[in-house]
Amino acid sequence: MDPIEDQPLPPPAPFMFGCDECVRLLRAFGEMVTADVGCFTEQLAVARHIVDDHPGEVPPPHTRNCDRCPHYAAYADDRGGLWAEHRARDLFLPEAVARLL
């Protein structure tokens, strides 16, 4: 068992169930996970949607166990870009997977 890839998906953040687009994107993501095929594009789509349409739900920067946040912090002008997508992944992926990007 791969300690990163074989972790169960956490339940999505509650706000996501009230958004038709979140549900659609999560469903597409879940179908790819279930089919055991690559789901990277679907992960990115969910994270980007959260950043664009639910910016208030994006978690704050990680303060522990994250090698990526200090890297993103160096690019302060990217707060709504990749760094926000990185943090949004915590809302629907296991921590070890979410923090890979």
C-alpha atoms as a PDB file:
ATOM      1  CA  MET A   1       0.000   0.000   0.000  1.00  0.00           C
ATOM      2  CA  ASP A   2       1.402   3.373  -1.026  1.00  0.00           C
ATOM      3  CA  PRO A   3       1.143   5.655   2.039  1.00  0.00           C
ATOM      4  CA  ILE A   4       0.244   8.624  -0.134  1.00  0.00           C
ATOM      5  CA  GLU A   5      -1.830   7.300  -3.009  1.00  0.00           C
ATOM      6  CA  ASP A   6      -3.854   4.760  -1.057  1.00  0.00           C
ATOM      7  CA  GLN A   7      -5.261   7.166   1.518  1.00  0.00           C
ATOM      8  CA  PRO A   8      -9.042   7.473   1.529  1.00  0.00           C
ATOM      9  CA  LEU A   9     -10.481  10.747   0.302  1.00  0.00           C
ATOM     10  CA  PRO A  10     -11.835  12.934   3.096  1.00  0.00           C
ATOM     11  CA  PRO A  11     -15.404  14.199   2.837  1.00  0.00           C
ATOM     12  CA  PRO A  12     -15.501  17.448   0.863  1.00  0.00           C
ATOM     13  CA  ALA A  13     -15.980  20.695   2.771  1.00  0.00           C
ATOM     14  CA  PRO A  14     -19.686  21.248   3.561  1.00  0.00           C
ATOM     15  CA  PHE A  15     -20.025  24.415   1.441  1.00  0.00           C
ATOM     16  CA  MET A  16     -19.207  22.361  -1.657  1.00  0.00           C
ATOM     17  CA  PHE A  17     -22.529  20.466  -1.464  1.00  0.00           C
ATOM     18  CA  GLY A  18     -24.444  23.736  -1.906  1.00  0.00           C
ATOM     19  CA  CYS A  19     -22.703  24.613  -5.172  1.00  0.00           C
ATOM     20  CA  ASP A  20     -23.791  22.872  -8.373  1.00  0.00           C
ATOM     21  CA  GLU A  21     -20.395  23.410 -10.001  1.00  0.00           C
ATOM     22  CA  CYS A  22     -18.541  21.993  -6.986  1.00  0.00           C
ATOM     23  CA  VAL A  23     -20.786  18.932  -7.088  1.00  0.00           C
ATOM     24  CA  ARG A  24     -20.235  18.496 -10.823  1.00  0.00           C
ATOM     25  CA  LEU A  25     -16.454  18.834 -10.481  1.00  0.00           C
ATOM     26  CA  LEU A  26     -16.303  16.540  -7.449  1.00  0.00           C
ATOM     27  CA  ARG A  27     -18.393  13.954  -9.274  1.00  0.00           C
ATOM     28  CA  ALA A  28     -16.010  14.049 -12.259  1.00  0.00           C
ATOM     29  CA  PHE A  29     -13.056  13.772  -9.889  1.00  0.00           C
ATOM     30  CA  GLY A  30     -14.664  10.842  -8.063  1.00  0.00           C
ATOM     31  CA  GLU A  31     -15.360   9.022 -11.314  1.00  0.00           C
ATOM     32  CA  MET A  32     -11.689   9.252 -12.270  1.00  0.00           C
ATOM     33  CA  VAL A  33     -10.589   8.057  -8.816  1.00  0.00           C
ATOM     34  CA  THR A  34     -13.034   5.136  -8.963  1.00  0.00           C
ATOM     35  CA  ALA A  35     -11.834   4.206 -12.459  1.00  0.00           C
ATOM     36  CA  ASP A  36      -8.267   4.244 -11.117  1.00  0.00           C
ATOM     37  CA  VAL A  37      -7.064   6.479 -13.925  1.00  0.00           C
ATOM     38  CA  GLY A  38      -5.229   9.781 -13.692  1.00  0.00           C
ATOM     39  CA  CYS A  39      -7.231  12.479 -11.935  1.00  0.00           C
ATOM     40  CA  PHE A  40      -4.716  15.332 -11.882  1.00  0.00           C
ATOM     41  CA  THR A  41      -6.709  17.548 -14.252  1.00  0.00           C
ATOM     42  CA  GLU A  42      -9.852  17.027 -12.188  1.00  0.00           C
ATOM     43  CA  GLN A  43      -7.983  17.917  -8.967  1.00  0.00           C
ATOM     44  CA  LEU A  44      -6.789  21.141 -10.547  1.00  0.00           C
ATOM     45  CA  ALA A  45     -10.288  21.980 -11.812  1.00  0.00           C
ATOM     46  CA  VAL A  46     -11.828  21.587  -8.345  1.00  0.00           C
ATOM     47  CA  ALA A  47      -9.083  23.683  -6.705  1.00  0.00           C
ATOM     48  CA  ARG A  48      -9.312  26.421  -9.363  1.00  0.00           C
ATOM     49  CA  HIS A  49     -13.094  26.595  -9.018  1.00  0.00           C
ATOM     50  CA  ILE A  50     -12.811  26.992  -5.248  1.00  0.00           C
ATOM     51  CA  VAL A  51     -10.264  29.794  -5.647  1.00  0.00           C
ATOM     52  CA  ASP A  52     -12.332  31.593  -8.298  1.00  0.00           C
ATOM     53  CA  ASP A  53     -15.853  31.127  -6.937  1.00  0.00           C
ATOM     54  CA  HIS A  54     -15.347  30.534  -3.200  1.00  0.00           C
ATOM     55  CA  PRO A  55     -12.245  32.579  -2.267  1.00  0.00           C
ATOM     56  CA  GLY A  56     -13.436  33.021   1.317  1.00  0.00           C
ATOM     57  CA  GLU A  57     -13.334  29.246   1.780  1.00  0.00           C
ATOM     58  CA  VAL A  58      -9.658  28.859   0.817  1.00  0.00           C
ATOM     59  CA  PRO A  59      -7.786  27.816   3.966  1.00  0.00           C
ATOM     60  CA  PRO A  60      -5.020  30.055   5.330  1.00  0.00           C
ATOM     61  CA  PRO A  61      -1.381  29.189   4.628  1.00  0.00           C
ATOM     62  CA  HIS A  62      -0.202  26.034   6.319  1.00  0.00           C
ATOM     63  CA  THR A  63       1.865  26.613   9.427  1.00  0.00           C
ATOM     64  CA  ARG A  64       3.105  23.052   9.891  1.00  0.00           C
ATOM     65  CA  ASN A  65       4.149  20.047   7.825  1.00  0.00           C
ATOM     66  CA  CYS A  66       4.179  21.889   4.519  1.00  0.00           C
ATOM     67  CA  ASP A  67       7.287  22.293   2.432  1.00  0.00           C
ATOM     68  CA  ARG A  68       5.372  24.111  -0.324  1.00  0.00           C
ATOM     69  CA  CYS A  69       3.881  27.107   1.542  1.00  0.00           C
ATOM     70  CA  PRO A  70       7.238  28.830   2.190  1.00  0.00           C
ATOM     71  CA  HIS A  71       8.008  28.470  -1.523  1.00  0.00           C
ATOM     72  CA  TYR A  72       4.664  30.011  -2.511  1.00  0.00           C
ATOM     73  CA  ALA A  73       5.036  32.743   0.127  1.00  0.00           C
ATOM     74  CA  ALA A  74       8.121  33.957  -1.724  1.00  0.00           C
ATOM     75  CA  TYR A  75       5.786  34.946  -4.559  1.00  0.00           C
ATOM     76  CA  ALA A  76       3.410  37.194  -2.617  1.00  0.00           C
ATOM     77  CA  ASP A  77       1.773  38.508  -5.804  1.00  0.00           C
ATOM     78  CA  ASP A  78       0.404  34.998  -6.488  1.00  0.00           C
ATOM     79  CA  ARG A  79      -2.016  34.873  -3.526  1.00  0.00           C
ATOM     80  CA  GLY A  80      -5.017  33.994  -5.707  1.00  0.00           C
ATOM     81  CA  GLY A  81      -3.082  31.666  -7.976  1.00  0.00           C
ATOM     82  CA  LEU A  82      -1.134  28.496  -7.372  1.00  0.00           C
ATOM     83  CA  TRP A  83      -0.712  29.082  -3.643  1.00  0.00           C
ATOM     84  CA  ALA A  84      -4.466  29.418  -3.159  1.00  0.00           C
ATOM     85  CA  GLU A  85      -5.046  26.308  -5.289  1.00  0.00           C
ATOM     86  CA  HIS A  86      -2.471  24.458  -3.156  1.00  0.00           C
ATOM     87  CA  ARG A  87      -4.370  25.358   0.022  1.00  0.00           C
ATOM     88  CA  ALA A  88      -7.798  24.647  -1.510  1.00  0.00           C
ATOM     89  CA  ARG A  89      -6.729  21.065  -2.199  1.00  0.00           C
ATOM     90  CA  ASP A  90      -6.901  20.446   1.582  1.00  0.00           C
ATOM     91  CA  LEU A  91     -10.687  20.754   1.298  1.00  0.00           C
ATOM     92  CA  PHE A  92     -11.103  17.563  -0.750  1.00  0.00           C
ATOM     93  CA  LEU A  93      -7.827  15.586  -0.695  1.00  0.00           C
ATOM     94  CA  PRO A  94      -5.866  13.804   2.033  1.00  0.00           C
ATOM     95  CA  GLU A  95      -3.215  16.134   3.475  1.00  0.00           C
ATOM     96  CA  ALA A  96      -0.281  14.108   2.163  1.00  0.00           C
ATOM     97  CA  VAL A  97      -1.656  14.276  -1.386  1.00  0.00           C
ATOM     98  CA  ALA A  98      -2.921  17.858  -1.191  1.00  0.00           C
ATOM     99  CA  ARG A  99       0.481  19.198  -0.212  1.00  0.00           C
ATOM    100  CA  LEU A 100       2.370  17.611  -3.105  1.00  0.00           C
ATOM    101  CA  LEU A 101       1.655  20.659  -5.314  1.00  0.00           C
END
